Amino acid sequence: MADHGHFITFEGIDGSGKSTQARMLVDRLGAQTLLTREPGGSEGAEEIRGLLLSGDTDRWSAETEILLFTAARRDHLEKTIEPALAAGTTVISDRFADSTRVYQGATRGDLRATVDQLHTLMIGREPDLTFIIDMDPAIALKRGLARETGEDRFEDFGLAFQETLRHGFLALARDMPNRCVVIDGNRTPEQVASEVAAHAMDALSVAV
């Protein structure tokens, strides 16, 4: 069945505020909108999430992380994203494949080709629109650690890791300008949300 919904994703370093912005956009768009997240978004993927985001920093190799994230994403795609899009729902996801491209492909070793090969083979879908929330890594890291959710394995890699992530996301935006929009996250949530909504409404051909 051909899908008719729009697929929007939010990306950024840990603590950048992307999760807040995803929720605020869902509230703005209202009906026929689904908020989901990665890793997670389906029963099987949520189980894998616990394995990936908790524990010691050296719990998994980068290669194992890629396989786990791809497995979670495949289940998420099958069980949540594709059915919603087919029903005409706008799907808004807090992270998707771009996170794996940056986190495992660019910062945990020279594994981008491996990430892309697995994505082509097992996922085969890109978002229609991606917001990259960009902000000061030091502020974002402090905010992320302050949450104390227990899902802070990647924050525990430290500031240098977050700085490398930021550069990775900005490079990705330059490589994929047709769908990626960089948003300055160093502002109030309301200011950021206003800019996000303007871009989203334009992409969805809905009057603000």
N, C-alpha and C. Protein backbone atom coordinates (compact mmCIF):
# COMPACT_ATOMS: atom_id res chain seq x y z
N MET A 1 0.85 -1.19 0.00
CA MET A 1 0.00 0.00 0.00
C MET A 1 0.88 1.25 0.00
N ALA A 2 0.59 2.20 -0.83
CA ALA A 2 1.38 3.43 -0.86
C ALA A 2 1.10 4.25 0.39
N ASP A 3 2.14 4.86 0.91
CA ASP A 3 1.92 5.65 2.11
C ASP A 3 1.60 7.09 1.72
N HIS A 4 0.86 7.75 2.59
CA HIS A 4 0.41 9.11 2.32
C HIS A 4 0.81 10.08 3.41
N GLY A 5 1.27 9.59 4.55
CA GLY A 5 1.67 10.48 5.62
C GLY A 5 3.05 11.06 5.38
N HIS A 6 3.42 12.03 6.21
CA HIS A 6 4.74 12.65 6.15
C HIS A 6 5.59 12.16 7.32
N PHE A 7 6.86 12.01 7.06
CA PHE A 7 7.78 11.47 8.07
C PHE A 7 8.79 12.56 8.42
N ILE A 8 8.73 13.05 9.67
CA ILE A 8 9.58 14.12 10.16
C ILE A 8 10.42 13.60 11.32
N THR A 9 11.71 13.91 11.31
CA THR A 9 12.58 13.45 12.39
C THR A 9 13.31 14.62 13.03
N PHE A 10 13.70 14.42 14.29
CA PHE A 10 14.50 15.38 15.04
C PHE A 10 15.81 14.71 15.42
N GLU A 11 16.91 15.42 15.20
CA GLU A 11 18.23 14.91 15.51
C GLU A 11 19.02 15.98 16.27
N GLY A 12 20.10 15.53 16.90
CA GLY A 12 20.95 16.46 17.63
C GLY A 12 21.72 15.73 18.71
N ILE A 13 22.65 16.43 19.33
CA ILE A 13 23.44 15.83 20.39
C ILE A 13 22.58 15.61 21.63
N ASP A 14 23.08 14.84 22.56
CA ASP A 14 22.35 14.56 23.79
C ASP A 14 22.13 15.86 24.57
N GLY A 15 20.89 16.08 25.00
CA GLY A 15 20.57 17.28 25.76
C GLY A 15 20.31 18.51 24.92
N SER A 16 20.16 18.35 23.61
CA SER A 16 19.97 19.50 22.73
C SER A 16 18.56 20.07 22.75
N GLY A 17 17.63 19.32 23.32
CA GLY A 17 16.24 19.78 23.37
C GLY A 17 15.38 19.23 22.25
N LYS A 18 15.90 18.29 21.47
CA LYS A 18 15.16 17.77 20.33
C LYS A 18 13.89 17.03 20.76
N SER A 19 13.95 16.32 21.89
CA SER A 19 12.76 15.60 22.36
C SER A 19 11.64 16.57 22.72
N THR A 20 12.01 17.66 23.37
CA THR A 20 11.03 18.70 23.69
C THR A 20 10.43 19.28 22.43
N GLN A 21 11.27 19.55 21.45
CA GLN A 21 10.78 20.13 20.20
C GLN A 21 9.89 19.16 19.43
N ALA A 22 10.20 17.88 19.47
CA ALA A 22 9.34 16.90 18.81
C ALA A 22 7.95 16.90 19.45
N ARG A 23 7.90 16.94 20.78
CA ARG A 23 6.62 16.98 21.47
C ARG A 23 5.85 18.26 21.15
N MET A 24 6.56 19.38 21.12
CA MET A 24 5.89 20.65 20.85
C MET A 24 5.34 20.70 19.43
N LEU A 25 6.04 20.08 18.48
CA LEU A 25 5.52 20.07 17.11
C LEU A 25 4.29 19.18 17.01
N VAL A 26 4.29 18.06 17.70
CA VAL A 26 3.10 17.22 17.72
C VAL A 26 1.90 17.98 18.27
N ASP A 27 2.13 18.71 19.37
CA ASP A 27 1.05 19.52 19.95
C ASP A 27 0.57 20.57 18.95
N ARG A 28 1.49 21.14 18.18
CA ARG A 28 1.13 22.18 17.22
C ARG A 28 0.32 21.60 16.06
N LEU A 29 0.73 20.43 15.57
CA LEU A 29 0.06 19.85 14.41
C LEU A 29 -1.25 19.18 14.76
N GLY A 30 -1.35 18.63 15.99
CA GLY A 30 -2.61 18.08 16.45
C GLY A 30 -2.95 16.72 15.87
N ALA A 31 -4.20 16.57 15.43
CA ALA A 31 -4.73 15.28 14.99
C ALA A 31 -3.94 14.70 13.83
N GLN A 32 -4.05 13.39 13.69
CA GLN A 32 -3.37 12.65 12.63
C GLN A 32 -1.86 12.82 12.69
N THR A 33 -1.33 12.91 13.93
CA THR A 33 0.11 13.01 14.13
C THR A 33 0.52 12.00 15.19
N LEU A 34 1.62 11.31 14.94
CA LEU A 34 2.11 10.30 15.86
C LEU A 34 3.52 10.66 16.31
N LEU A 35 3.74 10.68 17.64
CA LEU A 35 5.06 10.92 18.20
C LEU A 35 5.69 9.58 18.56
N THR A 36 6.92 9.36 18.09
CA THR A 36 7.62 8.14 18.42
C THR A 36 9.09 8.46 18.67
N ARG A 37 9.91 7.43 18.93
CA ARG A 37 11.30 7.71 19.28
C ARG A 37 12.21 6.53 18.91
N GLU A 38 13.49 6.83 18.86
CA GLU A 38 14.50 5.79 18.67
C GLU A 38 15.65 6.00 19.64
N PRO A 39 16.29 4.88 20.05
CA PRO A 39 15.79 3.54 19.84
C PRO A 39 14.50 3.34 20.61
N GLY A 40 13.59 2.61 20.02
CA GLY A 40 12.29 2.38 20.64
C GLY A 40 11.18 2.58 19.63
N GLY A 41 10.00 2.88 20.15
CA GLY A 41 8.87 3.15 19.28
C GLY A 41 8.02 1.95 18.95
N SER A 42 8.46 0.77 19.35
CA SER A 42 7.69 -0.47 19.22
C SER A 42 8.11 -1.36 20.37
N GLU A 43 7.34 -2.39 20.64
CA GLU A 43 7.63 -3.22 21.82
C GLU A 43 9.02 -3.83 21.76
N GLY A 44 9.36 -4.42 20.62
CA GLY A 44 10.67 -5.04 20.50
C GLY A 44 11.80 -4.04 20.56
N ALA A 45 11.61 -2.90 19.89
CA ALA A 45 12.64 -1.87 19.87
C ALA A 45 12.86 -1.26 21.25
N GLU A 46 11.81 -1.15 22.04
CA GLU A 46 11.96 -0.61 23.39
C GLU A 46 12.80 -1.54 24.26
N GLU A 47 12.69 -2.84 24.04
CA GLU A 47 13.51 -3.79 24.78
C GLU A 47 14.98 -3.62 24.42
N ILE A 48 15.25 -3.40 23.15
CA ILE A 48 16.63 -3.18 22.71
C ILE A 48 17.16 -1.86 23.24
N ARG A 49 16.29 -0.86 23.38
CA ARG A 49 16.69 0.45 23.90
C ARG A 49 17.39 0.32 25.25
N GLY A 50 16.82 -0.51 26.13
CA GLY A 50 17.42 -0.68 27.44
C GLY A 50 18.83 -1.23 27.37
N LEU A 51 19.08 -2.09 26.40
CA LEU A 51 20.42 -2.65 26.23
C LEU A 51 21.41 -1.60 25.75
N LEU A 52 20.95 -0.70 24.91
CA LEU A 52 21.85 0.26 24.26
C LEU A 52 22.18 1.47 25.12
N LEU A 53 21.23 1.95 25.88
CA LEU A 53 21.39 3.25 26.54
C LEU A 53 21.80 3.16 28.00
N SER A 54 21.95 1.97 28.53
CA SER A 54 22.37 1.83 29.93
C SER A 54 23.64 0.99 29.99
N GLY A 55 24.30 1.06 31.11
CA GLY A 55 25.51 0.27 31.30
C GLY A 55 26.78 1.06 31.01
N ASP A 56 27.90 0.38 31.09
CA ASP A 56 29.20 1.01 30.89
C ASP A 56 29.40 1.46 29.45
N THR A 57 30.27 2.44 29.28
CA THR A 57 30.54 2.96 27.93
C THR A 57 31.12 1.89 27.02
N ASP A 58 31.85 0.93 27.60
CA ASP A 58 32.47 -0.12 26.78
C ASP A 58 31.63 -1.40 26.74
N ARG A 59 30.35 -1.27 27.05
CA ARG A 59 29.48 -2.44 27.06
C ARG A 59 29.40 -3.10 25.69
N TRP A 60 29.29 -2.27 24.64
CA TRP A 60 29.19 -2.77 23.27
C TRP A 60 30.27 -2.14 22.40
N SER A 61 30.75 -2.89 21.43
CA SER A 61 31.61 -2.29 20.42
C SER A 61 30.74 -1.47 19.47
N ALA A 62 31.37 -0.60 18.69
CA ALA A 62 30.62 0.20 17.72
C ALA A 62 29.90 -0.69 16.72
N GLU A 63 30.54 -1.78 16.32
CA GLU A 63 29.93 -2.69 15.35
C GLU A 63 28.67 -3.35 15.92
N THR A 64 28.75 -3.75 17.19
CA THR A 64 27.58 -4.36 17.83
C THR A 64 26.47 -3.34 17.98
N GLU A 65 26.82 -2.10 18.33
CA GLU A 65 25.82 -1.04 18.44
C GLU A 65 25.08 -0.85 17.13
N ILE A 66 25.82 -0.84 16.02
CA ILE A 66 25.19 -0.66 14.71
C ILE A 66 24.14 -1.74 14.47
N LEU A 67 24.48 -2.98 14.78
CA LEU A 67 23.56 -4.09 14.56
C LEU A 67 22.34 -3.98 15.47
N LEU A 68 22.55 -3.60 16.72
CA LEU A 68 21.44 -3.46 17.65
C LEU A 68 20.52 -2.31 17.25
N PHE A 69 21.09 -1.17 16.91
CA PHE A 69 20.27 -0.04 16.47
C PHE A 69 19.49 -0.38 15.20
N THR A 70 20.13 -1.08 14.28
CA THR A 70 19.44 -1.43 13.03
C THR A 70 18.31 -2.41 13.30
N ALA A 71 18.53 -3.37 14.21
CA ALA A 71 17.46 -4.30 14.56
C ALA A 71 16.28 -3.57 15.19
N ALA A 72 16.58 -2.65 16.11
CA ALA A 72 15.51 -1.87 16.74
C ALA A 72 14.77 -1.03 15.69
N ARG A 73 15.53 -0.43 14.78
CA ARG A 73 14.91 0.42 13.76
C ARG A 73 14.02 -0.38 12.81
N ARG A 74 14.46 -1.57 12.46
CA ARG A 74 13.65 -2.41 11.57
C ARG A 74 12.30 -2.73 12.21
N ASP A 75 12.33 -3.11 13.49
CA ASP A 75 11.08 -3.42 14.18
C ASP A 75 10.20 -2.17 14.29
N HIS A 76 10.81 -1.05 14.61
CA HIS A 76 10.10 0.23 14.70
C HIS A 76 9.44 0.56 13.37
N LEU A 77 10.18 0.37 12.27
CA LEU A 77 9.66 0.67 10.94
C LEU A 77 8.48 -0.21 10.61
N GLU A 78 8.62 -1.51 10.86
CA GLU A 78 7.56 -2.46 10.52
C GLU A 78 6.31 -2.27 11.36
N LYS A 79 6.51 -2.08 12.66
CA LYS A 79 5.37 -2.12 13.59
C LYS A 79 4.70 -0.76 13.80
N THR A 80 5.45 0.33 13.61
CA THR A 80 4.92 1.65 13.96
C THR A 80 4.93 2.63 12.80
N ILE A 81 6.08 2.87 12.20
CA ILE A 81 6.21 3.94 11.22
C ILE A 81 5.43 3.66 9.95
N GLU A 82 5.68 2.53 9.31
CA GLU A 82 5.04 2.26 8.03
C GLU A 82 3.52 2.14 8.13
N PRO A 83 2.97 1.46 9.16
CA PRO A 83 1.51 1.43 9.27
C PRO A 83 0.90 2.82 9.45
N ALA A 84 1.56 3.67 10.24
CA ALA A 84 1.02 5.01 10.46
C ALA A 84 1.06 5.84 9.17
N LEU A 85 2.17 5.79 8.46
CA LEU A 85 2.27 6.53 7.20
C LEU A 85 1.23 6.05 6.20
N ALA A 86 1.01 4.75 6.14
CA ALA A 86 0.03 4.18 5.22
C ALA A 86 -1.38 4.65 5.54
N ALA A 87 -1.61 4.97 6.82
CA ALA A 87 -2.93 5.45 7.24
C ALA A 87 -3.08 6.95 7.08
N GLY A 88 -2.04 7.61 6.54
CA GLY A 88 -2.11 9.05 6.34
C GLY A 88 -1.69 9.88 7.52
N THR A 89 -1.06 9.26 8.50
CA THR A 89 -0.63 9.96 9.71
C THR A 89 0.75 10.58 9.50
N THR A 90 0.95 11.78 10.03
CA THR A 90 2.27 12.39 10.06
C THR A 90 3.05 11.81 11.23
N VAL A 91 4.16 11.18 10.94
CA VAL A 91 4.98 10.54 11.97
C VAL A 91 6.14 11.46 12.33
N ILE A 92 6.27 11.76 13.61
CA ILE A 92 7.36 12.59 14.11
C ILE A 92 8.20 11.75 15.05
N SER A 93 9.46 11.52 14.67
CA SER A 93 10.31 10.63 15.45
C SER A 93 11.48 11.38 16.06
N ASP A 94 11.67 11.14 17.35
CA ASP A 94 12.82 11.65 18.09
C ASP A 94 13.98 10.70 17.80
N ARG A 95 14.77 11.04 16.80
CA ARG A 95 15.89 10.28 16.23
C ARG A 95 15.41 9.24 15.21
N PHE A 96 16.32 8.99 14.26
CA PHE A 96 16.13 7.92 13.27
C PHE A 96 17.53 7.54 12.77
N ALA A 97 17.66 7.18 11.53
CA ALA A 97 18.92 6.64 11.01
C ALA A 97 20.08 7.62 11.07
N ASP A 98 19.81 8.91 11.01
CA ASP A 98 20.91 9.88 11.05
C ASP A 98 21.71 9.77 12.33
N SER A 99 21.06 9.41 13.42
CA SER A 99 21.79 9.25 14.68
C SER A 99 22.81 8.13 14.58
N THR A 100 22.44 7.03 13.95
CA THR A 100 23.39 5.93 13.79
C THR A 100 24.52 6.34 12.84
N ARG A 101 24.18 7.10 11.81
CA ARG A 101 25.22 7.58 10.89
C ARG A 101 26.27 8.42 11.63
N VAL A 102 25.82 9.21 12.59
CA VAL A 102 26.74 10.10 13.30
C VAL A 102 27.37 9.41 14.50
N TYR A 103 26.54 8.79 15.36
CA TYR A 103 27.06 8.21 16.59
C TYR A 103 28.00 7.04 16.33
N GLN A 104 27.55 6.07 15.54
CA GLN A 104 28.38 4.89 15.30
C GLN A 104 29.21 5.03 14.02
N GLY A 105 28.65 5.69 13.01
CA GLY A 105 29.35 5.77 11.74
C GLY A 105 30.50 6.75 11.70
N ALA A 106 30.37 7.84 12.47
CA ALA A 106 31.38 8.90 12.37
C ALA A 106 32.22 9.07 13.63
N THR A 107 31.71 8.68 14.78
CA THR A 107 32.43 8.99 16.02
C THR A 107 32.96 7.76 16.74
N ARG A 108 32.48 6.58 16.40
CA ARG A 108 32.90 5.37 17.10
C ARG A 108 33.79 4.51 16.21
N GLY A 109 34.39 5.13 15.20
CA GLY A 109 35.21 4.40 14.24
C GLY A 109 34.79 4.81 12.84
N ASP A 110 35.59 4.45 11.86
CA ASP A 110 35.28 4.81 10.47
C ASP A 110 34.32 3.78 9.89
N LEU A 111 33.07 3.86 10.34
CA LEU A 111 32.09 2.82 10.02
C LEU A 111 30.89 3.34 9.24
N ARG A 112 31.01 4.54 8.69
CA ARG A 112 29.86 5.11 7.98
C ARG A 112 29.41 4.23 6.81
N ALA A 113 30.34 3.65 6.08
CA ALA A 113 29.97 2.79 4.95
C ALA A 113 29.17 1.59 5.43
N THR A 114 29.56 1.03 6.57
CA THR A 114 28.83 -0.11 7.13
C THR A 114 27.42 0.30 7.52
N VAL A 115 27.29 1.45 8.16
CA VAL A 115 25.97 1.97 8.54
C VAL A 115 25.09 2.15 7.31
N ASP A 116 25.64 2.75 6.27
CA ASP A 116 24.86 3.01 5.06
C ASP A 116 24.45 1.72 4.36
N GLN A 117 25.35 0.74 4.34
CA GLN A 117 25.02 -0.54 3.71
C GLN A 117 23.88 -1.24 4.44
N LEU A 118 23.95 -1.25 5.76
CA LEU A 118 22.89 -1.87 6.55
C LEU A 118 21.57 -1.12 6.39
N HIS A 119 21.66 0.20 6.33
CA HIS A 119 20.44 0.99 6.17
C HIS A 119 19.77 0.68 4.83
N THR A 120 20.57 0.62 3.77
CA THR A 120 20.02 0.31 2.45
C THR A 120 19.39 -1.07 2.43
N LEU A 121 20.05 -2.02 3.06
CA LEU A 121 19.59 -3.41 3.04
C LEU A 121 18.36 -3.64 3.90
N MET A 122 18.33 -3.04 5.11
CA MET A 122 17.30 -3.39 6.09
C MET A 122 16.25 -2.31 6.35
N ILE A 123 16.53 -1.06 6.02
CA ILE A 123 15.60 0.02 6.33
C ILE A 123 15.05 0.64 5.04
N GLY A 124 15.90 1.22 4.24
CA GLY A 124 15.49 1.71 2.93
C GLY A 124 14.55 2.89 2.92
N ARG A 125 14.48 3.62 4.00
CA ARG A 125 13.61 4.81 4.04
C ARG A 125 14.35 5.97 4.68
N GLU A 126 14.13 7.16 4.10
CA GLU A 126 14.64 8.39 4.69
C GLU A 126 13.46 9.27 5.09
N PRO A 127 13.63 10.14 6.08
CA PRO A 127 12.56 11.08 6.43
C PRO A 127 12.29 12.07 5.29
N ASP A 128 11.12 12.65 5.31
CA ASP A 128 10.80 13.72 4.37
C ASP A 128 11.44 15.03 4.82
N LEU A 129 11.58 15.19 6.13
CA LEU A 129 12.12 16.42 6.71
C LEU A 129 12.83 16.08 8.02
N THR A 130 14.04 16.61 8.19
CA THR A 130 14.80 16.37 9.40
C THR A 130 15.24 17.69 10.02
N PHE A 131 14.89 17.88 11.29
CA PHE A 131 15.36 19.05 12.03
C PHE A 131 16.56 18.64 12.86
N ILE A 132 17.68 19.34 12.69
CA ILE A 132 18.86 19.12 13.51
C ILE A 132 18.96 20.28 14.49
N ILE A 133 18.72 19.99 15.77
CA ILE A 133 18.76 21.02 16.79
C ILE A 133 20.21 21.18 17.23
N ASP A 134 20.78 22.32 16.92
CA ASP A 134 22.20 22.57 17.16
C ASP A 134 22.38 23.48 18.36
N MET A 135 23.25 23.06 19.30
CA MET A 135 23.50 23.92 20.45
C MET A 135 24.87 23.63 21.04
N ASP A 136 25.29 24.48 21.96
CA ASP A 136 26.58 24.37 22.64
C ASP A 136 26.69 23.01 23.32
N PRO A 137 27.69 22.19 22.95
CA PRO A 137 27.81 20.86 23.54
C PRO A 137 27.98 20.86 25.05
N ALA A 138 28.68 21.84 25.60
CA ALA A 138 28.89 21.87 27.05
C ALA A 138 27.56 22.06 27.79
N ILE A 139 26.73 22.96 27.29
CA ILE A 139 25.43 23.20 27.90
C ILE A 139 24.53 21.98 27.74
N ALA A 140 24.55 21.40 26.54
CA ALA A 140 23.72 20.23 26.26
C ALA A 140 24.11 19.05 27.14
N LEU A 141 25.42 18.84 27.31
CA LEU A 141 25.88 17.71 28.12
C LEU A 141 25.46 17.88 29.57
N LYS A 142 25.61 19.09 30.11
CA LYS A 142 25.21 19.36 31.48
C LYS A 142 23.71 19.09 31.65
N ARG A 143 22.93 19.50 30.67
CA ARG A 143 21.49 19.30 30.73
C ARG A 143 21.16 17.81 30.64
N GLY A 144 21.85 17.10 29.76
CA GLY A 144 21.58 15.68 29.60
C GLY A 144 21.89 14.88 30.84
N LEU A 145 23.03 15.17 31.48
CA LEU A 145 23.41 14.44 32.68
C LEU A 145 22.49 14.77 33.85
N ALA A 146 21.97 16.00 33.87
CA ALA A 146 21.09 16.42 34.97
C ALA A 146 19.76 15.67 34.97
N ARG A 147 19.40 15.10 33.84
CA ARG A 147 18.12 14.39 33.78
C ARG A 147 18.12 13.13 34.64
N GLU A 148 19.29 12.50 34.79
CA GLU A 148 19.45 11.29 35.62
C GLU A 148 18.38 10.25 35.31
N THR A 149 18.24 9.92 34.02
CA THR A 149 17.25 8.94 33.60
C THR A 149 17.76 7.51 33.69
N GLY A 150 19.07 7.36 33.85
CA GLY A 150 19.66 6.03 33.79
C GLY A 150 20.02 5.63 32.37
N GLU A 151 19.55 6.43 31.39
CA GLU A 151 19.86 6.18 29.98
C GLU A 151 20.93 7.18 29.53
N ASP A 152 22.06 7.18 30.22
CA ASP A 152 23.06 8.21 29.98
C ASP A 152 24.39 7.61 29.52
N ARG A 153 24.34 6.44 28.90
CA ARG A 153 25.58 5.79 28.48
C ARG A 153 26.37 6.66 27.51
N PHE A 154 25.70 7.31 26.58
CA PHE A 154 26.42 8.12 25.59
C PHE A 154 26.88 9.45 26.18
N GLU A 155 26.13 10.02 27.12
CA GLU A 155 26.60 11.22 27.80
C GLU A 155 27.90 10.93 28.56
N ASP A 156 28.03 9.69 29.05
CA ASP A 156 29.21 9.33 29.83
C ASP A 156 30.49 9.29 29.00
N PHE A 157 30.38 9.34 27.68
CA PHE A 157 31.58 9.42 26.85
C PHE A 157 32.27 10.78 26.99
N GLY A 158 31.56 11.79 27.50
CA GLY A 158 32.18 13.07 27.80
C GLY A 158 32.00 14.16 26.75
N LEU A 159 32.56 15.35 27.07
CA LEU A 159 32.37 16.54 26.25
C LEU A 159 33.00 16.41 24.87
N ALA A 160 34.20 15.86 24.78
CA ALA A 160 34.85 15.74 23.48
C ALA A 160 34.01 14.91 22.52
N PHE A 161 33.38 13.88 23.05
CA PHE A 161 32.50 13.04 22.23
C PHE A 161 31.31 13.85 21.72
N GLN A 162 30.71 14.65 22.61
CA GLN A 162 29.56 15.46 22.21
C GLN A 162 29.96 16.51 21.16
N GLU A 163 31.15 17.06 21.29
CA GLU A 163 31.62 18.04 20.31
C GLU A 163 31.81 17.38 18.95
N THR A 164 32.34 16.16 18.95
CA THR A 164 32.50 15.43 17.70
C THR A 164 31.14 15.11 17.09
N LEU A 165 30.18 14.74 17.93
CA LEU A 165 28.82 14.50 17.45
C LEU A 165 28.24 15.73 16.78
N ARG A 166 28.42 16.89 17.41
CA ARG A 166 27.87 18.12 16.85
C ARG A 166 28.41 18.35 15.44
N HIS A 167 29.72 18.22 15.28
CA HIS A 167 30.31 18.41 13.96
C HIS A 167 29.78 17.38 12.96
N GLY A 168 29.53 16.17 13.45
CA GLY A 168 28.99 15.13 12.59
C GLY A 168 27.60 15.46 12.09
N PHE A 169 26.75 15.98 12.97
CA PHE A 169 25.39 16.35 12.55
C PHE A 169 25.42 17.53 11.58
N LEU A 170 26.27 18.50 11.83
CA LEU A 170 26.35 19.65 10.92
C LEU A 170 26.88 19.22 9.55
N ALA A 171 27.82 18.29 9.52
CA ALA A 171 28.33 17.78 8.25
C ALA A 171 27.23 17.03 7.50
N LEU A 172 26.44 16.27 8.24
CA LEU A 172 25.34 15.54 7.62
C LEU A 172 24.33 16.50 7.00
N ALA A 173 24.05 17.61 7.71
CA ALA A 173 23.12 18.60 7.17
C ALA A 173 23.64 19.21 5.88
N ARG A 174 24.95 19.44 5.81
CA ARG A 174 25.53 19.97 4.57
C ARG A 174 25.44 18.96 3.44
N ASP A 175 25.56 17.68 3.78
CA ASP A 175 25.51 16.63 2.76
C ASP A 175 24.10 16.37 2.27
N MET A 176 23.10 16.65 3.09
CA MET A 176 21.71 16.34 2.76
C MET A 176 20.82 17.57 2.92
N PRO A 177 21.11 18.65 2.16
CA PRO A 177 20.38 19.90 2.36
C PRO A 177 18.92 19.85 1.93
N ASN A 178 18.54 18.88 1.13
CA ASN A 178 17.17 18.81 0.65
C ASN A 178 16.17 18.43 1.73
N ARG A 179 16.66 17.76 2.77
CA ARG A 179 15.73 17.38 3.84
C ARG A 179 16.15 17.85 5.23
N CYS A 180 17.39 18.26 5.40
CA CYS A 180 17.89 18.64 6.72
C CYS A 180 17.83 20.15 6.93
N VAL A 181 17.27 20.56 8.06
CA VAL A 181 17.21 21.97 8.45
C VAL A 181 17.89 22.12 9.80
N VAL A 182 18.92 22.94 9.87
CA VAL A 182 19.61 23.18 11.13
C VAL A 182 18.92 24.31 11.88
N ILE A 183 18.57 24.04 13.13
CA ILE A 183 17.86 25.00 13.97
C ILE A 183 18.75 25.37 15.16
N ASP A 184 18.91 26.66 15.41
CA ASP A 184 19.70 27.12 16.55
C ASP A 184 18.95 26.80 17.84
N GLY A 185 19.50 25.87 18.63
CA GLY A 185 18.85 25.47 19.87
C GLY A 185 19.25 26.29 21.08
N ASN A 186 20.13 27.28 20.88
CA ASN A 186 20.59 28.11 22.00
C ASN A 186 19.62 29.26 22.28
N ARG A 187 18.34 28.94 22.31
CA ARG A 187 17.28 29.92 22.56
C ARG A 187 16.23 29.28 23.44
N THR A 188 15.19 30.01 23.77
CA THR A 188 14.13 29.43 24.58
C THR A 188 13.41 28.35 23.76
N PRO A 189 12.83 27.36 24.44
CA PRO A 189 12.07 26.33 23.72
C PRO A 189 10.98 26.91 22.82
N GLU A 190 10.36 27.98 23.27
CA GLU A 190 9.28 28.59 22.49
C GLU A 190 9.81 29.23 21.21
N GLN A 191 10.98 29.88 21.29
CA GLN A 191 11.57 30.47 20.10
C GLN A 191 11.98 29.40 19.09
N VAL A 192 12.57 28.34 19.61
CA VAL A 192 12.97 27.24 18.73
C VAL A 192 11.73 26.61 18.08
N ALA A 193 10.69 26.39 18.89
CA ALA A 193 9.48 25.75 18.38
C ALA A 193 8.81 26.57 17.30
N SER A 194 8.88 27.89 17.42
CA SER A 194 8.27 28.76 16.42
C SER A 194 8.94 28.58 15.06
N GLU A 195 10.28 28.51 15.07
CA GLU A 195 10.99 28.32 13.81
C GLU A 195 10.74 26.93 13.24
N VAL A 196 10.74 25.92 14.12
CA VAL A 196 10.46 24.56 13.67
C VAL A 196 9.08 24.47 13.03
N ALA A 197 8.09 25.06 13.68
CA ALA A 197 6.72 25.00 13.17
C ALA A 197 6.60 25.66 11.80
N ALA A 198 7.29 26.78 11.61
CA ALA A 198 7.24 27.48 10.32
C ALA A 198 7.76 26.59 9.20
N HIS A 199 8.89 25.93 9.45
CA HIS A 199 9.45 25.02 8.44
C HIS A 199 8.52 23.83 8.20
N ALA A 200 7.98 23.27 9.29
CA ALA A 200 7.12 22.10 9.16
C ALA A 200 5.85 22.42 8.40
N MET A 201 5.23 23.55 8.73
CA MET A 201 4.00 23.94 8.05
C MET A 201 4.24 24.16 6.56
N ASP A 202 5.39 24.74 6.26
CA ASP A 202 5.73 24.96 4.86
C ASP A 202 5.90 23.61 4.15
N ALA A 203 6.59 22.69 4.80
CA ALA A 203 6.81 21.39 4.18
C ALA A 203 5.51 20.59 4.02
N LEU A 204 4.62 20.77 4.94
CA LEU A 204 3.34 20.05 4.89
C LEU A 204 2.27 20.82 4.11
N SER A 205 2.65 21.99 3.60
CA SER A 205 1.72 22.83 2.82
C SER A 205 0.49 23.18 3.64
N VAL A 206 0.73 23.52 4.91
CA VAL A 206 -0.35 23.92 5.80
C VAL A 206 -0.11 25.37 6.20
N ALA A 207 -1.11 26.19 6.17
CA ALA A 207 -0.95 27.59 6.55
C ALA A 207 -0.70 27.70 8.03
N VAL A 208 0.28 28.55 8.38
CA VAL A 208 0.59 28.76 9.79
C VAL A 208 -0.56 29.51 10.45
